[in-house]
Structure formats: structure tokens, C-alpha cells
N, C-alpha and C. Protein backbone atom coordinates (compact mmCIF):
# COMPACT_ATOMS: atom_id res chain seq x y z
N MET A 1 -72.38 -85.43 8.79
CA MET A 1 -72.36 -86.51 9.72
C MET A 1 -71.08 -86.46 10.56
N GLU A 2 -71.24 -86.62 11.83
CA GLU A 2 -70.10 -86.52 12.74
C GLU A 2 -69.44 -87.87 12.92
N GLN A 3 -68.12 -87.90 12.84
CA GLN A 3 -67.38 -89.14 13.04
C GLN A 3 -66.62 -89.08 14.36
N HIS A 4 -66.71 -90.17 15.08
CA HIS A 4 -65.96 -90.28 16.33
C HIS A 4 -64.85 -91.29 16.11
N SER A 5 -63.66 -90.95 16.51
CA SER A 5 -62.57 -91.89 16.40
C SER A 5 -61.98 -92.13 17.78
N THR A 6 -61.62 -93.34 17.99
CA THR A 6 -60.97 -93.71 19.23
C THR A 6 -59.50 -93.90 18.94
N SER A 7 -58.68 -93.20 19.65
CA SER A 7 -57.25 -93.30 19.47
C SER A 7 -56.63 -94.04 20.65
N LEU A 8 -55.85 -95.04 20.35
CA LEU A 8 -55.16 -95.77 21.40
C LEU A 8 -54.05 -94.93 22.02
N LEU A 9 -53.66 -93.86 21.33
CA LEU A 9 -52.63 -93.00 21.88
C LEU A 9 -53.11 -92.31 23.15
N ASP A 10 -54.43 -92.16 23.28
CA ASP A 10 -54.99 -91.54 24.47
C ASP A 10 -55.22 -92.55 25.60
N LEU A 11 -54.98 -93.81 25.29
CA LEU A 11 -55.21 -94.86 26.26
C LEU A 11 -54.19 -94.76 27.39
N GLN A 12 -54.68 -94.80 28.60
CA GLN A 12 -53.79 -94.78 29.76
C GLN A 12 -54.18 -95.91 30.69
N LEU A 13 -53.20 -96.43 31.39
CA LEU A 13 -53.45 -97.47 32.37
C LEU A 13 -53.83 -96.83 33.69
N ASP A 14 -55.00 -97.22 34.21
CA ASP A 14 -55.34 -96.77 35.55
C ASP A 14 -54.73 -97.76 36.55
N GLN A 15 -54.88 -97.49 37.83
CA GLN A 15 -54.22 -98.32 38.84
C GLN A 15 -54.69 -99.78 38.81
N PRO A 16 -56.00 -100.08 38.69
CA PRO A 16 -56.39 -101.50 38.62
C PRO A 16 -55.81 -102.21 37.39
N MET A 17 -55.78 -101.54 36.24
CA MET A 17 -55.22 -102.16 35.04
C MET A 17 -53.73 -102.42 35.20
N ALA A 18 -53.02 -101.48 35.80
CA ALA A 18 -51.58 -101.66 36.04
C ALA A 18 -51.36 -102.83 37.01
N THR A 19 -52.21 -102.95 38.00
CA THR A 19 -52.11 -104.06 38.96
C THR A 19 -52.37 -105.38 38.26
N TYR A 20 -53.39 -105.43 37.40
CA TYR A 20 -53.69 -106.66 36.66
C TYR A 20 -52.52 -107.05 35.76
N LEU A 21 -51.97 -106.06 35.05
CA LEU A 21 -50.85 -106.32 34.15
C LEU A 21 -49.64 -106.81 34.94
N TYR A 22 -49.37 -106.18 36.07
CA TYR A 22 -48.22 -106.58 36.88
C TYR A 22 -48.39 -108.00 37.41
N GLU A 23 -49.60 -108.33 37.87
CA GLU A 23 -49.86 -109.67 38.38
C GLU A 23 -49.75 -110.72 37.27
N ALA A 24 -50.30 -110.40 36.09
CA ALA A 24 -50.18 -111.32 34.95
C ALA A 24 -48.72 -111.51 34.57
N ALA A 25 -47.95 -110.44 34.62
CA ALA A 25 -46.53 -110.52 34.28
C ALA A 25 -45.78 -111.38 35.30
N LYS A 26 -46.10 -111.25 36.57
CA LYS A 26 -45.43 -112.07 37.59
C LYS A 26 -45.71 -113.56 37.36
N TRP A 27 -46.97 -113.90 37.07
CA TRP A 27 -47.30 -115.31 36.82
C TRP A 27 -46.63 -115.81 35.56
N ASN A 28 -46.56 -114.97 34.54
CA ASN A 28 -45.89 -115.38 33.30
C ASN A 28 -44.40 -115.54 33.50
N LYS A 29 -43.81 -114.72 34.35
CA LYS A 29 -42.39 -114.88 34.66
C LYS A 29 -42.15 -116.21 35.36
N PHE A 30 -43.00 -116.55 36.32
CA PHE A 30 -42.90 -117.83 37.01
C PHE A 30 -43.03 -118.98 36.03
N LEU A 31 -44.06 -118.92 35.16
CA LEU A 31 -44.27 -120.00 34.18
C LEU A 31 -43.11 -120.09 33.19
N ALA A 32 -42.53 -118.95 32.83
CA ALA A 32 -41.38 -118.96 31.92
C ALA A 32 -40.17 -119.62 32.58
N ILE A 33 -39.94 -119.32 33.85
CA ILE A 33 -38.81 -119.94 34.56
C ILE A 33 -39.01 -121.44 34.66
N VAL A 34 -40.23 -121.87 34.99
CA VAL A 34 -40.53 -123.31 35.01
C VAL A 34 -40.31 -123.91 33.62
N GLY A 35 -40.71 -123.17 32.58
CA GLY A 35 -40.51 -123.63 31.21
C GLY A 35 -39.03 -123.79 30.87
N PHE A 36 -38.20 -122.86 31.34
CA PHE A 36 -36.76 -122.97 31.10
C PHE A 36 -36.19 -124.21 31.78
N ILE A 37 -36.65 -124.47 32.99
CA ILE A 37 -36.18 -125.66 33.72
C ILE A 37 -36.60 -126.92 32.95
N LEU A 38 -37.85 -126.95 32.49
CA LEU A 38 -38.33 -128.10 31.72
C LEU A 38 -37.54 -128.26 30.42
N CYS A 39 -37.19 -127.15 29.77
CA CYS A 39 -36.39 -127.23 28.55
C CYS A 39 -35.02 -127.83 28.85
N GLY A 40 -34.44 -127.44 29.97
CA GLY A 40 -33.15 -128.01 30.36
C GLY A 40 -33.26 -129.51 30.59
N LEU A 41 -34.31 -129.92 31.29
CA LEU A 41 -34.51 -131.35 31.53
C LEU A 41 -34.77 -132.10 30.22
N MET A 42 -35.54 -131.48 29.31
CA MET A 42 -35.80 -132.11 28.02
C MET A 42 -34.52 -132.25 27.21
N ALA A 43 -33.66 -131.24 27.27
CA ALA A 43 -32.40 -131.30 26.53
C ALA A 43 -31.51 -132.41 27.08
N VAL A 44 -31.44 -132.53 28.39
CA VAL A 44 -30.64 -133.60 29.00
C VAL A 44 -31.23 -134.96 28.61
N PHE A 45 -32.56 -135.09 28.69
CA PHE A 45 -33.20 -136.35 28.32
C PHE A 45 -32.93 -136.68 26.85
N SER A 46 -32.96 -135.67 25.99
CA SER A 46 -32.77 -135.94 24.56
C SER A 46 -31.38 -136.50 24.27
N ILE A 47 -30.40 -136.08 25.05
CA ILE A 47 -29.04 -136.58 24.85
C ILE A 47 -28.96 -138.07 25.18
N PHE A 48 -29.71 -138.48 26.20
CA PHE A 48 -29.67 -139.88 26.63
C PHE A 48 -30.83 -140.71 26.09
N ALA A 49 -31.71 -140.13 25.29
CA ALA A 49 -32.90 -140.84 24.80
C ALA A 49 -32.54 -142.10 24.02
N GLY A 50 -31.56 -142.02 23.15
CA GLY A 50 -31.16 -143.18 22.36
C GLY A 50 -30.69 -144.32 23.24
N SER A 51 -29.87 -144.02 24.22
CA SER A 51 -29.37 -145.06 25.13
C SER A 51 -30.50 -145.66 25.96
N ILE A 52 -31.40 -144.82 26.41
CA ILE A 52 -32.53 -145.29 27.22
C ILE A 52 -33.39 -146.26 26.43
N PHE A 53 -33.74 -145.87 25.20
CA PHE A 53 -34.61 -146.73 24.40
C PHE A 53 -33.88 -148.01 23.94
N THR A 54 -32.58 -147.92 23.71
CA THR A 54 -31.82 -149.12 23.37
C THR A 54 -31.84 -150.10 24.53
N ALA A 55 -31.64 -149.59 25.74
CA ALA A 55 -31.68 -150.45 26.92
C ALA A 55 -33.06 -151.06 27.11
N MET A 56 -34.11 -150.27 26.84
CA MET A 56 -35.48 -150.79 26.98
C MET A 56 -35.74 -151.90 25.97
N TYR A 57 -35.34 -151.68 24.72
CA TYR A 57 -35.55 -152.71 23.70
C TYR A 57 -34.75 -153.97 24.00
N GLY A 58 -33.54 -153.80 24.49
CA GLY A 58 -32.69 -154.95 24.80
C GLY A 58 -33.22 -155.79 25.94
N SER A 59 -33.99 -155.18 26.83
CA SER A 59 -34.51 -155.93 27.98
C SER A 59 -35.87 -156.55 27.71
N MET A 60 -36.48 -156.27 26.56
CA MET A 60 -37.79 -156.85 26.24
C MET A 60 -37.63 -158.27 25.73
N ALA A 61 -38.55 -159.10 26.15
CA ALA A 61 -38.52 -160.50 25.70
C ALA A 61 -38.77 -160.56 24.20
N GLY A 62 -37.95 -161.29 23.50
CA GLY A 62 -38.10 -161.45 22.05
C GLY A 62 -37.44 -160.35 21.24
N MET A 63 -36.90 -159.33 21.91
CA MET A 63 -36.28 -158.21 21.20
C MET A 63 -34.77 -158.19 21.39
N GLU A 64 -34.20 -159.27 21.91
CA GLU A 64 -32.78 -159.29 22.24
C GLU A 64 -31.91 -159.05 21.01
N GLY A 65 -32.30 -159.53 19.85
CA GLY A 65 -31.49 -159.40 18.64
C GLY A 65 -31.66 -158.07 17.94
N VAL A 66 -32.62 -157.27 18.34
CA VAL A 66 -32.90 -156.00 17.68
C VAL A 66 -32.00 -154.93 18.29
N ASN A 67 -31.21 -154.30 17.47
CA ASN A 67 -30.36 -153.23 17.93
C ASN A 67 -30.98 -151.91 17.48
N PHE A 68 -31.60 -151.25 18.40
CA PHE A 68 -32.31 -150.00 18.11
C PHE A 68 -31.36 -148.92 17.59
N MET A 69 -30.16 -148.88 18.12
CA MET A 69 -29.20 -147.86 17.73
C MET A 69 -28.68 -148.07 16.31
N SER A 70 -28.55 -149.33 15.86
CA SER A 70 -28.00 -149.57 14.54
C SER A 70 -28.93 -149.08 13.44
N ALA A 71 -30.21 -148.98 13.75
CA ALA A 71 -31.17 -148.50 12.76
C ALA A 71 -31.25 -146.97 12.74
N GLY A 72 -30.42 -146.32 13.52
CA GLY A 72 -30.45 -144.85 13.57
C GLY A 72 -31.53 -144.32 14.48
N GLY A 73 -32.17 -145.20 15.22
CA GLY A 73 -33.26 -144.79 16.10
C GLY A 73 -32.82 -143.87 17.20
N GLY A 74 -31.65 -144.10 17.75
CA GLY A 74 -31.15 -143.25 18.83
C GLY A 74 -30.89 -141.83 18.36
N ILE A 75 -30.30 -141.72 17.18
CA ILE A 75 -30.03 -140.39 16.63
C ILE A 75 -31.34 -139.67 16.32
N PHE A 76 -32.28 -140.41 15.75
CA PHE A 76 -33.59 -139.83 15.44
C PHE A 76 -34.26 -139.32 16.71
N LEU A 77 -34.25 -140.12 17.77
CA LEU A 77 -34.88 -139.70 19.02
C LEU A 77 -34.20 -138.48 19.62
N THR A 78 -32.88 -138.45 19.56
CA THR A 78 -32.14 -137.29 20.08
C THR A 78 -32.52 -136.03 19.31
N VAL A 79 -32.52 -136.11 18.00
CA VAL A 79 -32.88 -134.95 17.17
C VAL A 79 -34.34 -134.55 17.40
N PHE A 80 -35.22 -135.53 17.50
CA PHE A 80 -36.65 -135.26 17.72
C PHE A 80 -36.86 -134.52 19.04
N TYR A 81 -36.25 -135.01 20.12
CA TYR A 81 -36.43 -134.37 21.42
C TYR A 81 -35.73 -133.01 21.50
N LEU A 82 -34.60 -132.85 20.81
CA LEU A 82 -33.97 -131.53 20.76
C LEU A 82 -34.83 -130.53 20.00
N ALA A 83 -35.46 -130.99 18.92
CA ALA A 83 -36.37 -130.11 18.16
C ALA A 83 -37.58 -129.73 19.01
N ALA A 84 -38.12 -130.70 19.76
CA ALA A 84 -39.25 -130.41 20.63
C ALA A 84 -38.84 -129.41 21.71
N THR A 85 -37.63 -129.54 22.21
CA THR A 85 -37.12 -128.61 23.21
C THR A 85 -37.02 -127.21 22.63
N ALA A 86 -36.49 -127.08 21.42
CA ALA A 86 -36.38 -125.77 20.77
C ALA A 86 -37.76 -125.19 20.50
N LEU A 87 -38.69 -126.05 20.11
CA LEU A 87 -40.06 -125.61 19.83
C LEU A 87 -40.71 -125.03 21.08
N TYR A 88 -40.36 -125.53 22.23
CA TYR A 88 -40.91 -125.02 23.48
C TYR A 88 -40.09 -123.85 24.01
N LEU A 89 -38.79 -123.82 23.74
CA LEU A 89 -37.92 -122.78 24.26
C LEU A 89 -38.18 -121.42 23.61
N ILE A 90 -38.37 -121.41 22.32
CA ILE A 90 -38.51 -120.13 21.59
C ILE A 90 -39.67 -119.30 22.11
N PRO A 91 -40.90 -119.84 22.19
CA PRO A 91 -41.98 -119.00 22.73
C PRO A 91 -41.80 -118.70 24.21
N ASN A 92 -41.11 -119.57 24.92
CA ASN A 92 -40.87 -119.33 26.33
C ASN A 92 -39.99 -118.10 26.55
N ILE A 93 -39.06 -117.87 25.63
CA ILE A 93 -38.22 -116.67 25.70
C ILE A 93 -39.08 -115.43 25.54
N TRP A 94 -40.03 -115.46 24.59
CA TRP A 94 -40.95 -114.33 24.40
C TRP A 94 -41.81 -114.11 25.63
N ARG A 95 -42.26 -115.21 26.25
CA ARG A 95 -43.07 -115.09 27.46
C ARG A 95 -42.26 -114.42 28.57
N TYR A 96 -41.02 -114.84 28.73
CA TYR A 96 -40.17 -114.26 29.77
C TYR A 96 -39.93 -112.77 29.51
N LYS A 97 -39.61 -112.43 28.25
CA LYS A 97 -39.38 -111.03 27.91
C LYS A 97 -40.63 -110.19 28.17
N PHE A 98 -41.80 -110.72 27.79
CA PHE A 98 -43.05 -110.02 28.08
C PHE A 98 -43.16 -109.71 29.56
N ALA A 99 -42.91 -110.73 30.38
CA ALA A 99 -43.09 -110.57 31.82
C ALA A 99 -42.13 -109.53 32.39
N VAL A 100 -40.87 -109.65 32.06
CA VAL A 100 -39.87 -108.72 32.61
C VAL A 100 -40.14 -107.29 32.15
N GLN A 101 -40.45 -107.12 30.86
CA GLN A 101 -40.69 -105.78 30.34
C GLN A 101 -42.00 -105.18 30.87
N ALA A 102 -43.03 -106.01 31.03
CA ALA A 102 -44.29 -105.50 31.56
C ALA A 102 -44.13 -105.07 33.01
N MET A 103 -43.38 -105.85 33.79
CA MET A 103 -43.14 -105.46 35.18
C MET A 103 -42.35 -104.15 35.25
N ALA A 104 -41.36 -104.01 34.37
CA ALA A 104 -40.58 -102.78 34.34
C ALA A 104 -41.44 -101.60 33.89
N ALA A 105 -42.34 -101.84 32.95
CA ALA A 105 -43.22 -100.77 32.46
C ALA A 105 -44.14 -100.26 33.56
N VAL A 106 -44.69 -101.18 34.34
CA VAL A 106 -45.59 -100.78 35.42
C VAL A 106 -44.82 -100.07 36.53
N ARG A 107 -43.65 -100.62 36.90
CA ARG A 107 -42.85 -100.01 37.97
C ARG A 107 -42.36 -98.62 37.58
N GLY A 108 -41.92 -98.48 36.33
CA GLY A 108 -41.33 -97.21 35.91
C GLY A 108 -42.28 -96.31 35.13
N ASN A 109 -43.54 -96.74 34.99
CA ASN A 109 -44.51 -95.98 34.21
C ASN A 109 -43.93 -95.65 32.82
N ASP A 110 -43.37 -96.69 32.17
CA ASP A 110 -42.61 -96.55 30.93
C ASP A 110 -43.39 -97.12 29.76
N VAL A 111 -43.83 -96.26 28.87
CA VAL A 111 -44.64 -96.69 27.73
C VAL A 111 -43.82 -97.47 26.71
N VAL A 112 -42.52 -97.21 26.61
CA VAL A 112 -41.66 -97.94 25.68
C VAL A 112 -41.54 -99.40 26.13
N GLN A 113 -41.32 -99.61 27.42
CA GLN A 113 -41.24 -100.98 27.95
C GLN A 113 -42.58 -101.70 27.79
N LEU A 114 -43.67 -100.97 27.96
CA LEU A 114 -44.99 -101.57 27.78
C LEU A 114 -45.18 -102.01 26.34
N SER A 115 -44.76 -101.18 25.41
CA SER A 115 -44.86 -101.53 23.99
C SER A 115 -44.02 -102.76 23.66
N LEU A 116 -42.79 -102.80 24.16
CA LEU A 116 -41.92 -103.95 23.92
C LEU A 116 -42.52 -105.22 24.53
N SER A 117 -43.07 -105.09 25.73
CA SER A 117 -43.64 -106.27 26.38
C SER A 117 -44.85 -106.79 25.61
N LEU A 118 -45.70 -105.88 25.15
CA LEU A 118 -46.88 -106.32 24.39
C LEU A 118 -46.49 -106.93 23.05
N ASN A 119 -45.40 -106.47 22.46
CA ASN A 119 -44.92 -107.08 21.22
C ASN A 119 -44.46 -108.52 21.48
N ASN A 120 -43.79 -108.76 22.60
CA ASN A 120 -43.39 -110.12 22.95
C ASN A 120 -44.59 -111.00 23.26
N LEU A 121 -45.61 -110.44 23.89
CA LEU A 121 -46.84 -111.18 24.14
C LEU A 121 -47.53 -111.53 22.82
N ARG A 122 -47.48 -110.60 21.86
CA ARG A 122 -48.04 -110.84 20.53
C ARG A 122 -47.32 -112.00 19.85
N LYS A 123 -45.99 -112.00 19.89
CA LYS A 123 -45.20 -113.07 19.28
C LYS A 123 -45.52 -114.42 19.93
N TYR A 124 -45.58 -114.42 21.25
CA TYR A 124 -45.87 -115.64 22.00
C TYR A 124 -47.24 -116.20 21.61
N SER A 125 -48.24 -115.33 21.61
CA SER A 125 -49.61 -115.76 21.28
C SER A 125 -49.73 -116.21 19.82
N LYS A 126 -49.08 -115.49 18.92
CA LYS A 126 -49.12 -115.84 17.50
C LYS A 126 -48.47 -117.21 17.26
N PHE A 127 -47.35 -117.46 17.92
CA PHE A 127 -46.66 -118.73 17.77
C PHE A 127 -47.58 -119.89 18.17
N TRP A 128 -48.18 -119.79 19.37
CA TRP A 128 -49.04 -120.87 19.85
C TRP A 128 -50.31 -120.98 19.02
N GLY A 129 -50.80 -119.85 18.50
CA GLY A 129 -51.98 -119.90 17.62
C GLY A 129 -51.67 -120.64 16.33
N ILE A 130 -50.56 -120.33 15.70
CA ILE A 130 -50.17 -121.00 14.46
C ILE A 130 -49.89 -122.48 14.71
N LEU A 131 -49.18 -122.79 15.81
CA LEU A 131 -48.91 -124.19 16.13
C LEU A 131 -50.21 -124.96 16.38
N THR A 132 -51.17 -124.32 17.03
CA THR A 132 -52.47 -124.96 17.27
C THR A 132 -53.18 -125.26 15.97
N ILE A 133 -53.15 -124.32 15.03
CA ILE A 133 -53.77 -124.53 13.71
C ILE A 133 -53.10 -125.71 13.00
N ILE A 134 -51.77 -125.77 13.06
CA ILE A 134 -51.03 -126.87 12.42
C ILE A 134 -51.43 -128.21 13.05
N ILE A 135 -51.50 -128.26 14.37
CA ILE A 135 -51.86 -129.51 15.05
C ILE A 135 -53.29 -129.93 14.70
N ILE A 136 -54.22 -128.97 14.68
CA ILE A 136 -55.60 -129.30 14.30
C ILE A 136 -55.64 -129.84 12.87
N ALA A 137 -54.88 -129.21 11.97
CA ALA A 137 -54.84 -129.68 10.57
C ALA A 137 -54.28 -131.10 10.50
N LEU A 138 -53.26 -131.39 11.29
CA LEU A 138 -52.70 -132.76 11.31
C LEU A 138 -53.73 -133.75 11.84
N TYR A 139 -54.47 -133.38 12.87
CA TYR A 139 -55.53 -134.25 13.39
C TYR A 139 -56.60 -134.52 12.33
N VAL A 140 -56.96 -133.49 11.59
CA VAL A 140 -57.96 -133.66 10.53
C VAL A 140 -57.43 -134.62 9.47
N LEU A 141 -56.16 -134.46 9.07
CA LEU A 141 -55.56 -135.36 8.08
C LEU A 141 -55.50 -136.79 8.60
N ILE A 142 -55.11 -136.95 9.85
CA ILE A 142 -55.06 -138.29 10.43
C ILE A 142 -56.45 -138.91 10.45
N PHE A 143 -57.45 -138.13 10.80
CA PHE A 143 -58.83 -138.60 10.83
C PHE A 143 -59.29 -139.04 9.44
N ILE A 144 -58.97 -138.22 8.43
CA ILE A 144 -59.35 -138.55 7.05
C ILE A 144 -58.65 -139.83 6.60
N PHE A 145 -57.34 -139.94 6.85
CA PHE A 145 -56.62 -141.15 6.47
C PHE A 145 -57.14 -142.38 7.21
N ALA A 146 -57.54 -142.21 8.45
CA ALA A 146 -58.09 -143.33 9.21
C ALA A 146 -59.42 -143.79 8.61
N ILE A 147 -60.24 -142.85 8.21
CA ILE A 147 -61.52 -143.21 7.58
C ILE A 147 -61.29 -143.90 6.25
N VAL A 148 -60.41 -143.33 5.43
CA VAL A 148 -60.11 -143.93 4.13
C VAL A 148 -59.49 -145.32 4.31
N GLY A 149 -58.54 -145.43 5.25
CA GLY A 149 -57.90 -146.72 5.52
C GLY A 149 -58.90 -147.74 6.02
N GLY A 150 -59.81 -147.33 6.90
CA GLY A 150 -60.84 -148.22 7.42
C GLY A 150 -61.78 -148.66 6.32
N ALA A 151 -62.14 -147.76 5.43
CA ALA A 151 -63.03 -148.11 4.32
C ALA A 151 -62.35 -149.08 3.37
N MET A 152 -61.06 -148.89 3.14
CA MET A 152 -60.33 -149.80 2.25
C MET A 152 -60.19 -151.18 2.88
N MET A 153 -60.00 -151.23 4.19
CA MET A 153 -59.89 -152.52 4.88
C MET A 153 -61.21 -153.29 4.84
N MET A 154 -62.30 -152.56 4.90
CA MET A 154 -63.61 -153.22 4.89
C MET A 154 -63.95 -153.77 3.52
N ARG A 155 -63.38 -153.19 2.45
CA ARG A 155 -63.63 -153.65 1.09
C ARG A 155 -62.99 -155.01 0.84
N HIS A 156 -61.87 -155.27 1.50
CA HIS A 156 -61.13 -156.51 1.24
C HIS A 156 -61.57 -157.59 2.11
């Protein structure tokens, strides 16, 4: 029996594939730069988040005596928003590296740069895939707790 094997080592990019890759890389570079700007804005906001929320609570009717900062709320918000910023920054770095290396690979016909770029794309995709699974699992848990909580409330 004859076996046929396909080797990726023989794979070559033709001109349309190189054009598609280059165009995808340019859009990813743009999105990564926008992501970096958003991360910067998020970091600045996180520094002032505690003060902003304290001012909001202080201006609400009936909340004049509540000091949001004394309960550690400001520190919590700052840490929370800084963590969210880091969570968005890390995959954005991989996206940017993918874009720059893919563009260099197409321009220079460089297989090493192409390999590096695809590895960064793999990391980026894996990160968002795992984060999506975690978020779906949290939604399922919230849904289960809501059903259980609703059932317990109806019993009483």
C-alpha cells in the first residue's frame, strides 16, 4: 500500500498568499497600535479611578457619609484596572510582534521571520482562546448559582 505524506517543509507562499499575509499583518499592526494607546489610557484611568469613584460617591444623595477610599475601594479599583490593562497589553505585544515580523518576512522573503511571526500569532490566539474558555466557564457558574439562588428564594 502506498502512503502519501504532505510535508509543510515544501510549503511555499505564492504571491496572493504573501499579499494576504502582508495585508493581515498591516491591519494587525494598526490594531496593536490602537491597543497600546488604549492600554495607556486605561493605565492613566486606573491611577485616578479611586479618586473618581470617591468623588462620585460623595456627590450622590444619601451617600455623603460614606467614604469609598477608607474601605480600600480606591486601591482595589486601581489594582483591578491595572490588572485589566496588563491582561490586554500582553496579547497585544504578541499581536504587534506578529505583524512586524510577518511584514518583514514577506518583504525579505525570510522564512525565519515568518516562523517567528506565526509563533507570536499562535501565542496571541491561544491566550484569547484560553481567556474565552475561562469567561464561558464563569458565565456557566454564574448561571448555575443564579438558578440555585432563585430556587432557594422561591422555597422561602
